[in-house]
Amino acid sequence: MFLSMDQLTRFFDSLEAKSDDHMPAIDIKYVHLWDGAAADAASPLYIISASELNKLAPFDEDCERVFVVQEDKPVSKELLKQRGLHIVRIPKKYSLNQIANTASQLFLQTNNALDYYDKVLFAVSKPDNYTEVAKTISNLTKCPVALIAGTSQIISSCEHDLEKKDWDNFLSHRLLKLIQIPNRLTYERFYIEPLKTPLGEYEYEVFFPIVSDDPARQVNGIIYLLCSDPIVPASWSNVLHFTSYTMSWFFTRYANKDNAIKLQNQMMNFMLTDLLHGIIPSEDTLKRVLGNLSFKTDRELILICVRTSLSEGSDNFEEAKRLFMSFFEDSFSFTQSADIFILTSPSWLLPKNKSIQKKFTSLLKDARCYAGISSTFYSIDKFFIHHFSRALAAADVAMQIKEKQRWTDFRAVSLLAIQSNNYASAIHFCDPALIKLVEYDKAHESDNLYTLCCYWQLNRDIGRICNFLHIHKNTLYYRLRKIASILRQDINDYDNFIQLSLSIAILENLGSIPRYRIFDDDRRQSKWSIQEDYEEE
């Protein structure tokens, strides 16, 4: 079992024990009255006299050994300072047998509590089930319990026999006044004080500190509970100490990590909100937020918009938000008005993932919602409003046509989407990558867009395109690779062709780009030529 030296010293309080050692947690498997043999590393708790202790050979610093020492002579300072050696000192008036019997009794009492400890350990080792930890502790103490991080965030709670509403209100008001976790602890290593206003039968609040398992040993959380008695029952005090040491691992690796992630993600939420209101961050700000973000954005992404008529303040909306946000693994979620937006990988749209698509449809039906999916994009940039508008438009179309699967892809409904929405400028339906290509041409005085129009309007015929542009085919191949790299799309893909052609038409009508119409001799001779409707530019 794991015991701290502070706990071990308290176990021998009745024998006037002393220790200057504050080792956080040591695995001790049994009590052993030293018989003169060399001390092994099999995790015993040795009972030994100080005179015999001095006879032991120096210890390997990598091994942790614990001794309860009868001080028939002073223990040397060298031994007290030796690493890997932990000592509890007891006056000479207590015999070795007395000390060993006391240790055995304490171990027996401790083992009786290990059932609870095992349950807590199991709950802590499953960080997805935070609530189970509070419930396990509450079952032991028969008291309302909350696990609170150093940032005053409630990780989980269990109201026990109180009304949930009363307990939640009490916690929220209590945390507003809890500026920092109390560090004025009793000699038993917890803190208890009377409540100013009792809550039901509970008149006292108790703080069991959760100390970080790093060298600084700072308090970074608490097990907070209410009790009706000013004396914490000894029957569960030891278990809570065990729990607090176990929770140090949990808080360091999960709770505090999650808090940091939430802070990082909060910056992302602020930035996305600014982008949706037309406030464009600087490139440095954009890089800093994305660089510190836990969610990986430098990859293919789609934005899913779940449109719901539910009020954001209702319990139903909160439940729907939780379900949709947890449905997609490795996703980033936020809400806007009564809509839920999810940034995730487009891989779930592949034909092989039909089962996931069906589950998504089922979830939408249960929540009485429709969803739209933007086209694929790469990372977050100043054109985020375009993806946002596309996802909204696709969701609106799915709702208007009563799509059976309850969601639709923007690529399949681009024209209908533009006709059916009045809330966004047409430029928001342009492919942001195409706008980047236009901006690149302006900045570098290049003809990438014109080359792309030639490529498509001359039917991707390399010979015809080279003759028309008076360039070598290697030059054309270089330009096409350059265009593909800027667009980050396959320009020969049909869906991409439709989407980019639509975007070109919008920009032409807005007057943002020239209206290129490409004709060569072959096209003029075609019986399908409509050259009379256009003038060659």
Protein backbone atom coordinates (compact mmCIF):
# COMPACT_ATOMS: atom_id res chain seq x y z
CA MET A 1 0.00 0.00 0.00
CA PHE A 2 1.07 3.59 -0.53
CA LEU A 3 1.74 5.66 2.58
CA SER A 4 3.31 9.05 3.03
CA MET A 5 5.83 9.63 5.79
CA ASP A 6 3.41 12.15 7.32
CA GLN A 7 0.72 9.46 7.49
CA LEU A 8 3.15 6.91 8.86
CA THR A 9 4.28 9.32 11.59
CA ARG A 10 0.66 10.01 12.55
CA PHE A 11 0.03 6.26 12.80
CA PHE A 12 2.54 6.16 15.69
CA ASP A 13 1.29 9.32 17.45
CA SER A 14 0.43 7.27 20.56
CA LEU A 15 4.10 6.22 20.70
CA GLU A 16 5.35 9.84 20.49
CA ALA A 17 6.74 9.36 16.99
CA LYS A 18 8.85 12.01 15.23
CA SER A 19 10.03 12.39 11.66
CA ASP A 20 11.62 15.15 9.59
CA ASP A 21 10.88 13.23 6.38
CA HIS A 22 8.04 14.33 4.05
CA MET A 23 8.36 11.76 1.32
CA PRO A 24 5.00 11.96 -0.52
CA ALA A 25 4.17 8.29 -1.09
CA ILE A 26 5.97 5.02 -0.44
CA ASP A 27 4.81 1.53 -1.33
CA ILE A 28 4.93 -0.61 1.83
CA LYS A 29 3.82 -4.22 1.55
CA TYR A 30 4.41 -5.67 5.05
CA VAL A 31 5.86 -5.07 8.56
CA HIS A 32 9.14 -6.79 9.36
CA LEU A 33 11.05 -6.87 12.67
CA TRP A 34 14.66 -6.60 11.53
CA ASP A 35 16.61 -9.79 12.19
CA GLY A 36 20.14 -8.72 11.30
CA ALA A 37 19.90 -9.58 7.62
CA ALA A 38 20.72 -7.07 4.92
CA ALA A 39 17.82 -4.71 4.23
CA ASP A 40 16.14 -5.67 0.98
CA ALA A 41 14.10 -3.62 -1.49
CA ALA A 42 10.92 -5.72 -1.29
CA SER A 43 8.99 -2.87 0.36
CA PRO A 44 8.88 -3.93 4.03
CA LEU A 45 8.42 -1.52 6.91
CA TYR A 46 11.41 -2.38 9.11
CA ILE A 47 11.17 -2.17 12.93
CA ILE A 48 14.71 -1.67 14.24
CA SER A 49 16.71 -0.08 17.07
CA ALA A 50 18.97 2.90 16.38
CA SER A 51 22.04 0.98 17.50
CA GLU A 52 21.28 -1.76 14.97
CA LEU A 53 20.43 0.77 12.27
CA ASN A 54 23.98 2.13 12.44
CA LYS A 55 25.29 -1.35 11.58
CA LEU A 56 23.53 -1.43 8.20
CA ALA A 57 25.64 -1.00 5.11
CA PRO A 58 25.08 2.15 2.97
CA PHE A 59 21.97 1.97 0.83
CA ASP A 60 21.61 2.14 -2.91
CA GLU A 61 20.06 5.56 -3.54
CA ASP A 62 17.69 4.10 -6.13
CA CYS A 63 16.01 1.92 -3.49
CA GLU A 64 13.43 3.32 -1.04
CA ARG A 65 13.52 1.73 2.44
CA VAL A 66 11.47 2.73 5.49
CA PHE A 67 12.47 2.17 9.14
CA VAL A 68 10.57 2.75 12.38
CA VAL A 69 13.46 3.23 14.79
CA GLN A 70 13.53 2.73 18.57
CA GLU A 71 15.94 5.44 19.67
CA ASP A 72 18.06 3.57 22.18
CA LYS A 73 20.76 5.98 20.99
CA PRO A 74 20.54 9.13 18.79
CA VAL A 75 20.20 8.52 15.06
CA SER A 76 23.13 10.12 13.26
CA LYS A 77 22.50 13.15 11.05
CA GLU A 78 24.21 11.34 8.18
CA LEU A 79 21.56 8.61 8.26
CA LEU A 80 18.74 11.17 8.47
CA LYS A 81 20.04 12.87 5.33
CA GLN A 82 20.73 9.71 3.35
CA ARG A 83 18.62 9.42 0.20
CA GLY A 84 16.52 6.31 -0.18
CA LEU A 85 16.32 5.96 3.62
CA HIS A 86 13.15 7.12 5.45
CA ILE A 87 12.99 7.05 9.25
CA VAL A 88 10.28 7.43 11.90
CA ARG A 89 11.87 7.79 15.38
CA ILE A 90 10.20 6.50 18.57
CA PRO A 91 11.57 6.95 22.15
CA LYS A 92 13.45 4.10 23.83
CA LYS A 93 10.72 3.55 26.46
CA TYR A 94 8.69 1.64 23.82
CA SER A 95 9.96 -1.85 23.02
CA LEU A 96 10.49 -3.18 19.49
CA ASN A 97 7.61 -5.64 20.01
CA GLN A 98 5.26 -2.82 21.06
CA ILE A 99 6.21 -0.87 17.96
CA ALA A 100 5.79 -3.91 15.71
CA ASN A 101 2.36 -4.75 17.22
CA THR A 102 1.19 -1.16 16.76
CA ALA A 103 2.38 -1.20 13.15
CA SER A 104 0.60 -4.51 12.48
CA GLN A 105 -2.67 -3.23 13.96
CA LEU A 106 -2.47 -0.06 11.89
CA PHE A 107 -1.81 -2.08 8.76
CA LEU A 108 -4.82 -4.26 9.54
CA GLN A 109 -7.05 -1.18 9.94
CA THR A 110 -5.67 0.27 6.75
CA ASN A 111 -6.29 -2.93 4.80
CA ASN A 112 -9.95 -2.81 5.88
CA ALA A 113 -10.23 0.48 3.99
CA LEU A 114 -8.54 -0.78 0.83
CA ASP A 115 -11.83 -1.80 -0.78
CA TYR A 116 -12.74 1.88 -0.96
CA TYR A 117 -9.23 2.76 -1.99
CA ASP A 118 -9.34 0.26 -4.87
CA LYS A 119 -12.63 1.72 -6.06
CA VAL A 120 -11.20 5.24 -5.95
CA LEU A 121 -8.05 4.11 -7.70
CA PHE A 122 -10.13 2.48 -10.44
CA ALA A 123 -12.25 5.63 -10.86
CA VAL A 124 -9.19 7.90 -10.93
CA SER A 125 -7.49 5.73 -13.54
CA LYS A 126 -10.48 6.28 -15.88
CA PRO A 127 -10.26 10.03 -16.52
CA ASP A 128 -13.34 9.99 -18.77
CA ASN A 129 -15.47 9.16 -15.73
CA TYR A 130 -14.71 12.09 -13.44
CA THR A 131 -18.07 11.80 -11.68
CA GLU A 132 -17.31 8.28 -10.47
CA VAL A 133 -14.54 9.59 -8.20
CA ALA A 134 -16.84 11.96 -6.33
CA LYS A 135 -19.54 9.29 -6.09
CA THR A 136 -17.07 6.76 -4.68
CA ILE A 137 -15.87 9.19 -2.02
CA SER A 138 -19.43 10.23 -1.23
CA ASN A 139 -20.45 6.58 -0.76
CA LEU A 140 -17.66 6.22 1.78
CA THR A 141 -18.20 9.45 3.71
CA LYS A 142 -21.99 9.66 3.31
CA CYS A 143 -21.44 13.37 2.67
CA PRO A 144 -21.72 15.78 -0.27
CA VAL A 145 -18.38 15.83 -2.12
CA ALA A 146 -16.73 17.90 -4.84
CA LEU A 147 -13.32 17.57 -6.51
CA ILE A 148 -12.02 21.08 -7.14
CA ALA A 149 -8.94 22.01 -9.19
CA GLY A 150 -6.50 24.74 -8.21
CA THR A 151 -8.23 27.03 -10.70
CA SER A 152 -11.44 26.66 -8.63
CA GLN A 153 -12.99 24.60 -11.40
CA ILE A 154 -15.29 21.79 -10.26
CA ILE A 155 -14.02 18.55 -11.79
CA SER A 156 -16.87 16.43 -10.42
CA SER A 157 -19.31 16.45 -7.54
CA CYS A 158 -21.91 14.32 -5.77
CA GLU A 159 -24.63 15.92 -3.66
CA HIS A 160 -25.34 12.72 -1.64
CA ASP A 161 -28.65 13.39 0.16
CA LEU A 162 -29.03 17.08 -0.71
CA GLU A 163 -31.13 18.47 -3.53
CA LYS A 164 -28.89 18.77 -6.59
CA LYS A 165 -30.04 22.35 -7.20
CA ASP A 166 -29.22 23.36 -3.59
CA TRP A 167 -25.80 21.68 -3.76
CA ASP A 168 -24.90 23.25 -7.12
CA ASN A 169 -25.98 26.71 -5.92
CA PHE A 170 -23.99 26.28 -2.72
CA LEU A 171 -20.86 25.22 -4.61
CA SER A 172 -21.08 28.07 -7.11
CA HIS A 173 -21.40 30.68 -4.35
CA ARG A 174 -18.72 28.99 -2.23
CA LEU A 175 -16.23 28.97 -5.09
CA LEU A 176 -16.73 32.67 -5.71
CA LYS A 177 -15.40 33.28 -2.21
CA LEU A 178 -12.73 30.59 -2.37
CA ILE A 179 -9.92 32.75 -3.75
CA GLN A 180 -7.32 30.07 -3.13
CA ILE A 181 -7.20 26.61 -1.64
CA PRO A 182 -6.58 26.88 2.12
CA ASN A 183 -3.04 25.92 3.11
CA ARG A 184 -3.55 26.24 6.86
CA LEU A 185 -3.95 22.56 7.59
CA THR A 186 -4.32 20.69 10.88
CA TYR A 187 -1.59 18.35 12.05
CA GLU A 188 -3.67 15.63 10.45
CA ARG A 189 -3.09 17.31 7.07
CA PHE A 190 -6.59 18.55 6.34
CA TYR A 191 -8.59 21.66 7.13
CA ILE A 192 -12.03 21.90 8.73
CA GLU A 193 -14.12 24.89 9.75
CA PRO A 194 -17.79 25.66 10.50
CA LEU A 195 -20.05 26.93 7.73
CA LYS A 196 -21.41 30.44 8.22
CA THR A 197 -24.81 29.13 7.19
CA PRO A 198 -25.49 25.38 7.62
CA LEU A 199 -26.74 23.49 4.59
CA GLY A 200 -29.33 21.01 5.80
CA GLU A 201 -27.74 18.88 8.52
CA TYR A 202 -24.23 19.82 7.39
CA GLU A 203 -22.48 22.42 9.55
CA TYR A 204 -18.79 21.99 8.63
CA GLU A 205 -16.72 22.08 5.47
CA VAL A 206 -13.58 19.97 5.05
CA PHE A 207 -10.63 20.46 2.66
CA PHE A 208 -8.34 17.53 1.91
CA PRO A 209 -5.44 18.97 -0.15
CA ILE A 210 -4.37 17.33 -3.39
CA VAL A 211 -0.65 18.00 -3.71
CA SER A 212 0.99 17.97 -7.14
CA ASP A 213 3.38 15.08 -7.71
CA ASP A 214 6.18 17.35 -8.88
CA PRO A 215 9.24 18.48 -6.86
CA ALA A 216 7.53 21.76 -5.87
CA ARG A 217 4.80 19.80 -4.01
CA GLN A 218 2.28 22.61 -4.43
CA VAL A 219 -1.40 22.23 -3.57
CA ASN A 220 -3.23 22.09 -6.90
CA GLY A 221 -6.63 20.80 -5.89
CA ILE A 222 -8.85 19.73 -3.01
CA ILE A 223 -11.31 17.05 -2.04
CA TYR A 224 -14.04 19.29 -0.66
CA LEU A 225 -16.87 17.89 1.44
CA LEU A 226 -19.46 18.83 4.02
CA CYS A 227 -19.93 16.99 7.30
CA SER A 228 -22.23 17.32 10.29
CA ASP A 229 -19.56 16.75 12.94
CA PRO A 230 -16.52 18.89 13.83
CA ILE A 231 -14.37 15.75 14.06
CA VAL A 232 -13.58 13.93 10.83
CA PRO A 233 -14.25 10.18 11.37
CA ALA A 234 -11.03 8.19 11.55
CA SER A 235 -12.71 5.40 9.57
CA TRP A 236 -12.49 7.39 6.34
CA SER A 237 -9.76 9.88 7.10
CA ASN A 238 -7.04 7.47 5.98
CA VAL A 239 -8.90 6.62 2.79
CA LEU A 240 -9.18 10.30 1.90
CA HIS A 241 -5.46 10.68 2.48
CA PHE A 242 -4.85 7.75 0.16
CA THR A 243 -7.22 9.32 -2.32
CA SER A 244 -5.55 12.72 -2.19
CA TYR A 245 -2.15 11.20 -3.00
CA THR A 246 -3.65 9.17 -5.83
CA MET A 247 -5.46 12.25 -7.08
CA SER A 248 -2.14 14.09 -7.34
CA TRP A 249 -1.39 11.83 -10.30
CA PHE A 250 -4.88 12.34 -11.69
CA PHE A 251 -4.81 16.14 -11.36
CA THR A 252 -1.33 16.53 -12.80
CA ARG A 253 -1.97 14.35 -15.83
CA TYR A 254 -5.64 15.00 -16.53
CA ALA A 255 -7.43 17.69 -14.54
CA ASN A 256 -4.76 20.37 -14.83
CA LYS A 257 -3.99 19.33 -18.38
CA ASP A 258 -7.67 19.74 -19.24
CA ASN A 259 -7.73 23.14 -17.56
CA ALA A 260 -4.76 24.23 -19.66
CA ILE A 261 -6.41 22.87 -22.80
CA LYS A 262 -9.61 24.73 -21.99
CA LEU A 263 -7.66 27.96 -21.59
CA GLN A 264 -5.91 27.37 -24.92
CA ASN A 265 -9.19 26.47 -26.59
CA GLN A 266 -10.83 29.54 -25.06
CA MET A 267 -8.42 31.70 -27.07
CA MET A 268 -9.52 29.81 -30.17
CA ASN A 269 -13.16 30.49 -29.31
CA PHE A 270 -12.47 34.21 -28.91
CA MET A 271 -10.61 34.30 -32.21
CA LEU A 272 -13.33 32.45 -34.13
CA THR A 273 -15.97 34.80 -32.69
CA ASP A 274 -13.90 37.78 -33.83
CA LEU A 275 -13.56 36.28 -37.30
CA LEU A 276 -17.33 35.77 -37.53
CA HIS A 277 -17.80 39.46 -36.70
CA GLY A 278 -15.31 40.55 -39.34
CA ILE A 279 -12.45 41.27 -36.92
CA ILE A 280 -9.41 39.77 -38.63
CA PRO A 281 -6.45 38.98 -36.34
CA SER A 282 -2.90 39.70 -37.40
CA GLU A 283 -0.82 36.87 -38.83
CA ASP A 284 1.26 36.79 -35.63
CA THR A 285 -1.86 36.49 -33.44
CA LEU A 286 -3.27 33.81 -35.71
CA LYS A 287 -0.05 31.78 -35.56
CA ARG A 288 0.27 32.19 -31.79
CA VAL A 289 -3.29 31.01 -31.06
CA LEU A 290 -3.04 28.08 -33.47
CA GLY A 291 0.48 27.22 -32.27
CA ASN A 292 -0.65 26.93 -28.64
CA LEU A 293 -3.87 25.12 -29.46
CA SER A 294 -4.19 21.49 -28.37
CA PHE A 295 -6.46 20.77 -31.34
CA LYS A 296 -4.42 20.13 -34.51
CA THR A 297 -5.58 22.52 -37.27
CA ASP A 298 -2.79 22.11 -39.83
CA ARG A 299 -4.62 19.40 -41.77
CA GLU A 300 -7.78 18.77 -43.76
CA LEU A 301 -10.85 19.99 -41.87
CA ILE A 302 -14.58 20.41 -42.31
CA LEU A 303 -17.00 22.52 -40.27
CA ILE A 304 -20.26 20.85 -39.24
CA CYS A 305 -23.17 23.12 -38.35
CA VAL A 306 -25.97 21.55 -36.32
CA ARG A 307 -28.97 23.89 -36.55
CA THR A 308 -31.44 23.59 -33.73
CA SER A 309 -34.58 25.52 -32.86
CA LEU A 310 -34.01 24.76 -29.18
CA SER A 311 -33.36 27.65 -26.85
CA GLU A 312 -29.71 27.83 -25.79
CA GLY A 313 -30.73 28.21 -22.19
CA SER A 314 -32.77 25.02 -22.12
CA ASP A 315 -31.60 21.73 -20.67
CA ASN A 316 -32.34 20.10 -24.01
CA PHE A 317 -29.88 22.32 -25.80
CA GLU A 318 -27.18 21.61 -23.23
CA GLU A 319 -27.76 17.88 -23.58
CA ALA A 320 -27.72 18.11 -27.40
CA LYS A 321 -24.51 20.14 -27.25
CA ARG A 322 -22.85 17.54 -25.04
CA LEU A 323 -23.92 14.67 -27.31
CA PHE A 324 -22.79 16.26 -30.57
CA MET A 325 -19.51 17.54 -29.12
CA SER A 326 -18.63 14.09 -27.81
CA PHE A 327 -19.75 12.21 -30.94
CA PHE A 328 -16.75 13.20 -33.07
CA GLU A 329 -13.33 12.16 -31.81
CA ASP A 330 -10.47 14.62 -32.09
CA SER A 331 -12.79 17.57 -32.76
CA PHE A 332 -13.08 21.20 -31.66
CA SER A 333 -16.53 22.53 -30.83
CA PHE A 334 -18.17 25.85 -30.13
CA THR A 335 -21.68 27.33 -30.16
CA GLN A 336 -23.07 30.39 -31.90
CA SER A 337 -26.63 31.46 -30.95
CA ALA A 338 -28.59 28.19 -30.98
CA ASP A 339 -26.26 26.45 -33.41
CA ILE A 340 -23.54 23.94 -32.62
CA PHE A 341 -20.37 23.99 -34.73
CA ILE A 342 -17.84 21.17 -34.83
CA LEU A 343 -14.41 21.32 -36.48
CA THR A 344 -13.28 17.83 -37.37
CA SER A 345 -11.60 15.63 -39.96
CA PRO A 346 -13.56 14.86 -43.17
CA SER A 347 -12.57 11.19 -42.96
CA TRP A 348 -15.95 10.20 -41.48
CA LEU A 349 -17.57 11.21 -44.81
CA LEU A 350 -15.78 8.43 -46.68
CA PRO A 351 -17.99 5.61 -48.03
CA LYS A 352 -16.37 3.10 -45.67
CA ASN A 353 -17.69 5.05 -42.67
CA LYS A 354 -21.39 4.65 -43.42
CA SER A 355 -22.03 3.30 -39.95
CA ILE A 356 -20.76 6.55 -38.40
CA GLN A 357 -22.90 8.56 -40.83
CA LYS A 358 -25.98 6.55 -39.82
CA LYS A 359 -25.26 7.17 -36.14
CA PHE A 360 -24.94 10.89 -36.85
CA THR A 361 -28.31 10.82 -38.63
CA SER A 362 -29.86 8.99 -35.69
CA LEU A 363 -28.43 11.58 -33.29
CA LEU A 364 -29.85 14.41 -35.41
CA LYS A 365 -33.29 12.77 -35.44
CA ASP A 366 -33.30 12.30 -31.68
CA ALA A 367 -32.37 15.98 -31.20
CA ARG A 368 -34.82 17.14 -33.92
CA CYS A 369 -31.98 18.92 -35.73
CA TYR A 370 -30.57 19.30 -39.23
CA ALA A 371 -26.90 19.71 -40.08
CA GLY A 372 -24.77 21.11 -42.87
CA ILE A 373 -21.14 20.43 -43.72
CA SER A 374 -18.74 22.89 -45.28
CA SER A 375 -16.37 21.90 -48.06
CA THR A 376 -12.91 20.72 -47.01
CA PHE A 377 -10.38 23.37 -46.00
CA TYR A 378 -6.93 23.54 -44.44
CA SER A 379 -6.27 25.08 -41.04
CA ILE A 380 -7.91 28.26 -39.74
CA ASP A 381 -7.34 31.55 -41.54
CA LYS A 382 -9.02 34.90 -42.13
CA PHE A 383 -11.50 33.23 -44.51
CA PHE A 384 -13.16 31.23 -41.73
CA ILE A 385 -16.44 33.13 -42.31
CA HIS A 386 -16.64 31.41 -45.72
CA HIS A 387 -16.61 27.93 -44.20
CA PHE A 388 -19.04 29.10 -41.53
CA SER A 389 -21.47 30.42 -44.17
CA ARG A 390 -21.20 27.23 -46.20
CA ALA A 391 -22.00 25.03 -43.23
CA LEU A 392 -24.98 27.23 -42.32
CA ALA A 393 -26.23 27.23 -45.92
CA ALA A 394 -25.95 23.46 -46.25
CA ALA A 395 -27.85 22.99 -42.96
CA ASP A 396 -30.61 25.32 -44.14
CA VAL A 397 -30.94 23.40 -47.41
CA ALA A 398 -31.11 20.08 -45.55
CA MET A 399 -33.93 21.53 -43.45
CA GLN A 400 -35.81 23.03 -46.44
CA ILE A 401 -35.73 19.89 -48.57
CA LYS A 402 -36.34 17.65 -45.52
CA GLU A 403 -33.23 15.62 -46.29
CA LYS A 404 -33.81 12.07 -45.07
CA GLN A 405 -30.35 11.70 -43.58
CA ARG A 406 -30.87 15.15 -41.99
CA TRP A 407 -27.52 16.54 -43.17
CA THR A 408 -26.04 17.56 -46.49
CA ASP A 409 -22.67 18.50 -47.93
CA PHE A 410 -22.26 22.05 -49.23
CA ARG A 411 -20.59 20.88 -52.43
CA ALA A 412 -23.77 19.11 -53.47
CA VAL A 413 -26.03 22.10 -52.88
CA SER A 414 -23.93 25.16 -53.71
CA LEU A 415 -26.29 26.86 -56.16
CA LEU A 416 -29.40 26.08 -54.13
CA ALA A 417 -27.66 27.33 -51.02
CA ILE A 418 -26.90 30.71 -52.58
CA GLN A 419 -30.48 31.09 -53.75
CA SER A 420 -32.02 30.07 -50.44
CA ASN A 421 -30.04 32.31 -48.08
CA ASN A 422 -30.19 36.05 -47.65
CA TYR A 423 -28.06 36.35 -44.53
CA ALA A 424 -24.63 36.31 -46.14
CA SER A 425 -22.87 38.08 -48.98
CA ALA A 426 -22.35 35.95 -52.10
CA ILE A 427 -18.58 36.26 -51.66
CA HIS A 428 -18.87 34.06 -48.58
CA PHE A 429 -19.76 31.16 -50.87
CA CYS A 430 -16.57 31.59 -52.89
CA ASP A 431 -13.85 29.07 -52.23
CA PRO A 432 -11.36 30.83 -49.89
CA ALA A 433 -8.51 29.02 -51.65
CA LEU A 434 -9.50 30.67 -54.94
CA ILE A 435 -9.50 34.09 -53.25
CA LYS A 436 -6.00 33.30 -52.00
CA LEU A 437 -4.98 32.50 -55.60
CA VAL A 438 -6.36 35.87 -56.76
CA GLU A 439 -4.50 37.67 -53.95
CA TYR A 440 -1.32 35.75 -54.80
CA ASP A 441 -1.58 36.89 -58.46
CA LYS A 442 -2.01 40.50 -57.40
CA ALA A 443 0.91 40.37 -54.97
CA HIS A 444 3.27 38.61 -57.42
CA GLU A 445 1.89 39.97 -60.73
CA SER A 446 1.38 36.39 -61.94
CA ASP A 447 -1.24 34.82 -64.23
CA ASN A 448 -2.22 31.73 -62.27
CA LEU A 449 -5.98 32.37 -62.42
CA TYR A 450 -5.82 33.11 -66.18
CA THR A 451 -3.83 29.88 -66.71
CA LEU A 452 -6.42 27.94 -64.69
CA CYS A 453 -9.26 29.37 -66.83
CA CYS A 454 -7.36 28.38 -69.97
CA TYR A 455 -6.77 24.91 -68.61
CA TRP A 456 -10.49 24.32 -68.00
CA GLN A 457 -11.98 26.20 -70.95
CA LEU A 458 -9.63 24.46 -73.41
CA ASN A 459 -10.66 21.07 -72.02
CA ARG A 460 -7.33 20.36 -70.27
CA ASP A 461 -5.71 19.75 -73.69
CA ILE A 462 -2.03 20.42 -72.93
CA GLY A 463 -1.08 20.99 -76.60
CA ARG A 464 -3.91 23.47 -77.23
CA ILE A 465 -3.20 25.33 -73.99
CA CYS A 466 0.54 25.64 -74.72
CA ASN A 467 -0.17 26.90 -78.28
CA PHE A 468 -2.69 29.43 -76.99
CA LEU A 469 -0.42 30.73 -74.22
CA HIS A 470 2.77 30.40 -76.32
CA ILE A 471 4.59 28.51 -73.56
CA HIS A 472 6.47 25.23 -73.31
CA LYS A 473 4.60 22.28 -71.80
CA ASN A 474 7.12 22.11 -68.90
CA THR A 475 6.22 25.70 -68.08
CA LEU A 476 2.53 24.79 -68.09
CA TYR A 477 3.13 21.78 -65.84
CA TYR A 478 5.08 24.02 -63.44
CA ARG A 479 2.21 26.55 -63.35
CA LEU A 480 -0.39 23.84 -62.75
CA ARG A 481 1.65 22.42 -59.86
CA LYS A 482 1.97 25.92 -58.46
CA ILE A 483 -1.79 26.50 -58.76
CA ALA A 484 -2.57 23.17 -57.08
CA SER A 485 -0.18 23.97 -54.23
CA ILE A 486 -1.79 27.38 -53.61
CA LEU A 487 -5.32 25.97 -53.84
CA ARG A 488 -4.32 22.79 -51.97
CA GLN A 489 -6.82 20.98 -54.18
CA ASP A 490 -6.80 18.56 -57.08
CA ILE A 491 -7.83 20.79 -60.00
CA ASN A 492 -8.83 17.70 -62.01
CA ASP A 493 -11.35 16.59 -59.40
CA TYR A 494 -14.93 17.13 -60.60
CA ASP A 495 -16.28 18.43 -57.27
CA ASN A 496 -13.40 20.87 -57.00
CA PHE A 497 -14.00 21.99 -60.60
CA ILE A 498 -17.69 22.70 -59.86
CA GLN A 499 -16.92 24.58 -56.65
CA LEU A 500 -14.08 26.63 -58.12
CA SER A 501 -16.06 27.42 -61.28
CA LEU A 502 -18.93 28.65 -59.12
CA SER A 503 -16.53 30.81 -57.14
CA ILE A 504 -15.06 32.27 -60.33
CA ALA A 505 -18.57 33.15 -61.54
CA ILE A 506 -19.37 34.94 -58.27
CA LEU A 507 -16.11 36.93 -58.35
CA GLU A 508 -16.73 37.87 -61.99
CA ASN A 509 -20.23 39.13 -61.19
CA LEU A 510 -18.89 41.10 -58.23
CA GLY A 511 -16.24 42.63 -60.52
CA SER A 512 -13.41 41.27 -58.37
CA ILE A 513 -11.68 39.53 -61.31
CA PRO A 514 -11.71 39.91 -65.14
CA ARG A 515 -14.30 37.89 -67.03
CA TYR A 516 -12.02 35.53 -68.93
CA ARG A 517 -13.49 33.72 -71.96
CA ILE A 518 -10.90 31.61 -73.76
CA PHE A 519 -11.27 30.72 -77.50
CA ASP A 520 -8.80 29.09 -79.88
CA ASP A 521 -9.25 27.90 -83.44
CA ASP A 522 -10.52 24.48 -82.41
CA ARG A 523 -13.20 25.96 -80.21
CA ARG A 524 -14.28 28.51 -82.84
CA GLN A 525 -14.81 25.72 -85.37
CA SER A 526 -16.91 23.66 -83.00
CA LYS A 527 -20.60 23.49 -83.87
CA TRP A 528 -21.30 23.97 -80.16
CA SER A 529 -19.41 27.28 -80.12
CA ILE A 530 -21.40 30.17 -78.70
CA GLN A 531 -18.84 32.74 -79.75
CA GLU A 532 -21.54 35.06 -80.99
CA ASP A 533 -22.61 35.63 -77.40
CA TYR A 534 -19.17 36.74 -76.25
CA GLU A 535 -16.40 38.95 -77.42
CA GLU A 536 -12.88 37.63 -77.12
CA GLU A 537 -10.90 39.49 -74.52
